[in-house]
């Protein structure tokens, strides 16, 4: 998984897999979902990210413990 913040375009993209994007859908204004040919989610893109995320250039990863 890759998280990319482009300051120039103010776009935050989370790429879940390197599969080829076959279709994109605007789920809500400024929220783009990319899907592969099988309908699996490939990436999520937020436009105007600095208005939607407090610190788009800062990432924290939390993994819950296995029971």
N, C-alpha and C. Protein backbone atom coordinates (compact mmCIF):
# COMPACT_ATOMS: atom_id res chain seq x y z
N UNK A 1 0.86 -1.16 0.00
CA UNK A 1 0.00 0.00 0.00
C UNK A 1 0.90 1.23 0.00
N UNK A 2 0.54 2.22 -0.79
CA UNK A 2 1.27 3.47 -0.88
C UNK A 2 0.33 4.63 -0.62
N UNK A 3 0.83 5.63 0.10
CA UNK A 3 0.07 6.85 0.33
C UNK A 3 0.88 8.00 -0.24
N UNK A 4 0.26 8.77 -1.12
CA UNK A 4 0.96 9.84 -1.82
C UNK A 4 0.19 11.14 -1.62
N UNK A 5 0.89 12.17 -1.13
CA UNK A 5 0.29 13.49 -1.04
C UNK A 5 1.04 14.40 -2.00
N UNK A 6 0.34 14.95 -2.95
CA UNK A 6 0.91 15.87 -3.94
C UNK A 6 0.53 17.29 -3.52
N UNK A 7 1.50 18.04 -3.00
CA UNK A 7 1.22 19.40 -2.53
C UNK A 7 0.79 20.32 -3.66
N UNK A 8 1.38 20.10 -4.84
CA UNK A 8 1.08 20.97 -5.97
C UNK A 8 -0.39 20.90 -6.38
N UNK A 9 -0.94 19.68 -6.40
CA UNK A 9 -2.35 19.51 -6.78
C UNK A 9 -3.27 19.37 -5.57
N UNK A 10 -2.70 19.32 -4.36
CA UNK A 10 -3.44 19.13 -3.11
C UNK A 10 -4.31 17.88 -3.20
N UNK A 11 -3.66 16.79 -3.64
CA UNK A 11 -4.35 15.52 -3.83
C UNK A 11 -3.70 14.45 -2.94
N UNK A 12 -4.52 13.72 -2.21
CA UNK A 12 -4.06 12.61 -1.38
C UNK A 12 -4.56 11.32 -2.02
N UNK A 13 -3.64 10.42 -2.33
CA UNK A 13 -4.00 9.16 -2.97
C UNK A 13 -3.51 8.00 -2.13
N UNK A 14 -4.39 7.05 -1.88
CA UNK A 14 -4.02 5.81 -1.20
C UNK A 14 -4.16 4.70 -2.23
N UNK A 15 -3.04 4.06 -2.55
CA UNK A 15 -3.02 2.99 -3.54
C UNK A 15 -2.95 1.67 -2.78
N UNK A 16 -3.96 0.84 -2.95
CA UNK A 16 -4.05 -0.43 -2.24
C UNK A 16 -3.35 -1.57 -2.96
N UNK A 17 -3.34 -1.51 -4.29
CA UNK A 17 -2.72 -2.55 -5.10
C UNK A 17 -2.23 -1.94 -6.40
N UNK A 18 -1.27 -2.57 -7.02
CA UNK A 18 -0.70 -2.05 -8.27
C UNK A 18 -1.47 -2.52 -9.51
N UNK A 19 -2.68 -3.02 -9.31
CA UNK A 19 -3.50 -3.47 -10.44
C UNK A 19 -3.84 -2.30 -11.35
N UNK A 20 -4.11 -2.61 -12.60
CA UNK A 20 -4.48 -1.59 -13.58
C UNK A 20 -5.89 -1.07 -13.30
N UNK A 21 -6.03 0.23 -13.31
CA UNK A 21 -7.35 0.84 -13.08
C UNK A 21 -8.18 0.71 -14.35
N UNK A 22 -9.36 0.11 -14.22
CA UNK A 22 -10.26 -0.07 -15.35
C UNK A 22 -11.41 0.93 -15.32
N UNK A 23 -11.74 1.41 -14.12
CA UNK A 23 -12.89 2.32 -13.98
C UNK A 23 -12.70 3.19 -12.75
N UNK A 24 -13.14 4.42 -12.84
CA UNK A 24 -13.11 5.34 -11.71
C UNK A 24 -14.52 5.85 -11.47
N UNK A 25 -14.83 6.09 -10.20
CA UNK A 25 -16.16 6.56 -9.83
C UNK A 25 -16.01 7.65 -8.78
N UNK A 26 -16.73 8.74 -8.93
CA UNK A 26 -16.72 9.79 -7.92
C UNK A 26 -17.79 9.44 -6.89
N UNK A 27 -17.36 8.87 -5.76
CA UNK A 27 -18.28 8.40 -4.73
C UNK A 27 -18.98 9.55 -4.02
N UNK A 28 -18.29 10.66 -3.88
CA UNK A 28 -18.82 11.90 -3.30
C UNK A 28 -18.00 13.02 -3.95
N UNK A 29 -18.45 14.25 -3.87
CA UNK A 29 -17.67 15.32 -4.49
C UNK A 29 -16.22 15.34 -3.99
N UNK A 30 -15.28 15.17 -4.91
CA UNK A 30 -13.87 15.19 -4.58
C UNK A 30 -13.31 13.90 -4.03
N UNK A 31 -14.10 12.83 -4.03
CA UNK A 31 -13.65 11.52 -3.55
C UNK A 31 -13.75 10.54 -4.71
N UNK A 32 -12.58 10.15 -5.24
CA UNK A 32 -12.53 9.28 -6.42
C UNK A 32 -12.11 7.88 -6.01
N UNK A 33 -12.87 6.88 -6.44
CA UNK A 33 -12.53 5.48 -6.21
C UNK A 33 -12.12 4.87 -7.53
N UNK A 34 -10.99 4.17 -7.54
CA UNK A 34 -10.51 3.48 -8.73
C UNK A 34 -10.66 1.98 -8.55
N UNK A 35 -11.16 1.31 -9.59
CA UNK A 35 -11.41 -0.12 -9.54
C UNK A 35 -10.68 -0.84 -10.67
N UNK A 36 -10.32 -2.12 -10.44
CA UNK A 36 -9.75 -2.93 -11.51
C UNK A 36 -10.88 -3.56 -12.32
N UNK A 37 -10.54 -4.37 -13.31
CA UNK A 37 -11.54 -4.97 -14.20
C UNK A 37 -12.50 -5.91 -13.47
N UNK A 38 -12.06 -6.47 -12.33
CA UNK A 38 -12.91 -7.38 -11.55
C UNK A 38 -13.77 -6.63 -10.53
N UNK A 39 -13.64 -5.32 -10.46
CA UNK A 39 -14.44 -4.53 -9.53
C UNK A 39 -13.81 -4.34 -8.16
N UNK A 40 -12.54 -4.75 -8.01
CA UNK A 40 -11.84 -4.58 -6.74
C UNK A 40 -11.30 -3.16 -6.61
N UNK A 41 -11.34 -2.62 -5.41
CA UNK A 41 -10.84 -1.28 -5.17
C UNK A 41 -9.32 -1.26 -5.31
N UNK A 42 -8.82 -0.37 -6.15
CA UNK A 42 -7.39 -0.24 -6.40
C UNK A 42 -6.83 0.97 -5.64
N UNK A 43 -7.55 2.09 -5.65
CA UNK A 43 -7.06 3.31 -5.02
C UNK A 43 -8.21 4.22 -4.63
N UNK A 44 -7.90 5.12 -3.70
CA UNK A 44 -8.83 6.15 -3.25
C UNK A 44 -8.09 7.47 -3.39
N UNK A 45 -8.74 8.45 -3.97
CA UNK A 45 -8.12 9.75 -4.18
C UNK A 45 -9.00 10.85 -3.60
N UNK A 46 -8.39 11.74 -2.80
CA UNK A 46 -9.09 12.88 -2.24
C UNK A 46 -8.58 14.15 -2.90
N UNK A 47 -9.48 14.88 -3.53
CA UNK A 47 -9.14 16.17 -4.10
C UNK A 47 -9.28 17.23 -3.01
N UNK A 48 -8.52 18.32 -3.11
CA UNK A 48 -8.53 19.36 -2.08
C UNK A 48 -8.27 18.76 -0.70
N UNK A 49 -7.25 17.92 -0.62
CA UNK A 49 -6.98 17.14 0.58
C UNK A 49 -6.73 18.00 1.81
N UNK A 50 -6.07 19.14 1.66
CA UNK A 50 -5.76 19.96 2.83
C UNK A 50 -7.02 20.52 3.49
N UNK A 51 -8.14 20.53 2.78
CA UNK A 51 -9.42 20.97 3.36
C UNK A 51 -10.15 19.82 4.04
N UNK A 52 -9.75 18.58 3.73
CA UNK A 52 -10.45 17.40 4.23
C UNK A 52 -9.68 16.65 5.32
N UNK A 53 -8.35 16.79 5.31
CA UNK A 53 -7.49 16.05 6.23
C UNK A 53 -6.66 17.07 7.01
N UNK A 54 -6.57 16.90 8.32
CA UNK A 54 -5.87 17.87 9.15
C UNK A 54 -4.41 18.06 8.72
N UNK A 55 -3.67 16.96 8.57
CA UNK A 55 -2.26 17.02 8.16
C UNK A 55 -2.04 16.00 7.05
N UNK A 56 -2.33 16.33 5.79
CA UNK A 56 -2.24 15.34 4.72
C UNK A 56 -0.83 14.81 4.48
N UNK A 57 0.19 15.52 4.94
CA UNK A 57 1.56 15.07 4.74
C UNK A 57 2.05 14.18 5.88
N UNK A 58 1.24 13.94 6.89
CA UNK A 58 1.61 13.13 8.05
C UNK A 58 0.79 11.84 8.07
N UNK A 59 1.47 10.69 8.24
CA UNK A 59 0.78 9.40 8.24
C UNK A 59 1.17 8.62 9.49
N UNK A 60 0.18 8.00 10.12
CA UNK A 60 0.42 7.12 11.25
C UNK A 60 -0.22 5.78 10.91
N UNK A 61 0.54 4.72 11.07
CA UNK A 61 0.02 3.37 10.82
C UNK A 61 -0.20 2.69 12.15
N UNK A 62 -1.40 2.16 12.35
CA UNK A 62 -1.71 1.40 13.56
C UNK A 62 -2.17 0.03 13.15
N UNK A 63 -1.58 -0.99 13.74
CA UNK A 63 -1.97 -2.37 13.49
C UNK A 63 -2.49 -2.93 14.79
N UNK A 64 -3.73 -3.44 14.75
CA UNK A 64 -4.30 -4.01 15.96
C UNK A 64 -3.66 -5.36 16.26
N UNK A 65 -3.50 -5.68 17.54
CA UNK A 65 -2.88 -6.97 17.89
C UNK A 65 -3.78 -8.14 17.51
N UNK A 66 -3.17 -9.24 17.18
CA UNK A 66 -3.89 -10.47 16.87
C UNK A 66 -4.34 -11.11 18.17
N UNK A 67 -5.62 -11.53 18.24
CA UNK A 67 -6.10 -12.13 19.50
C UNK A 67 -5.40 -13.44 19.81
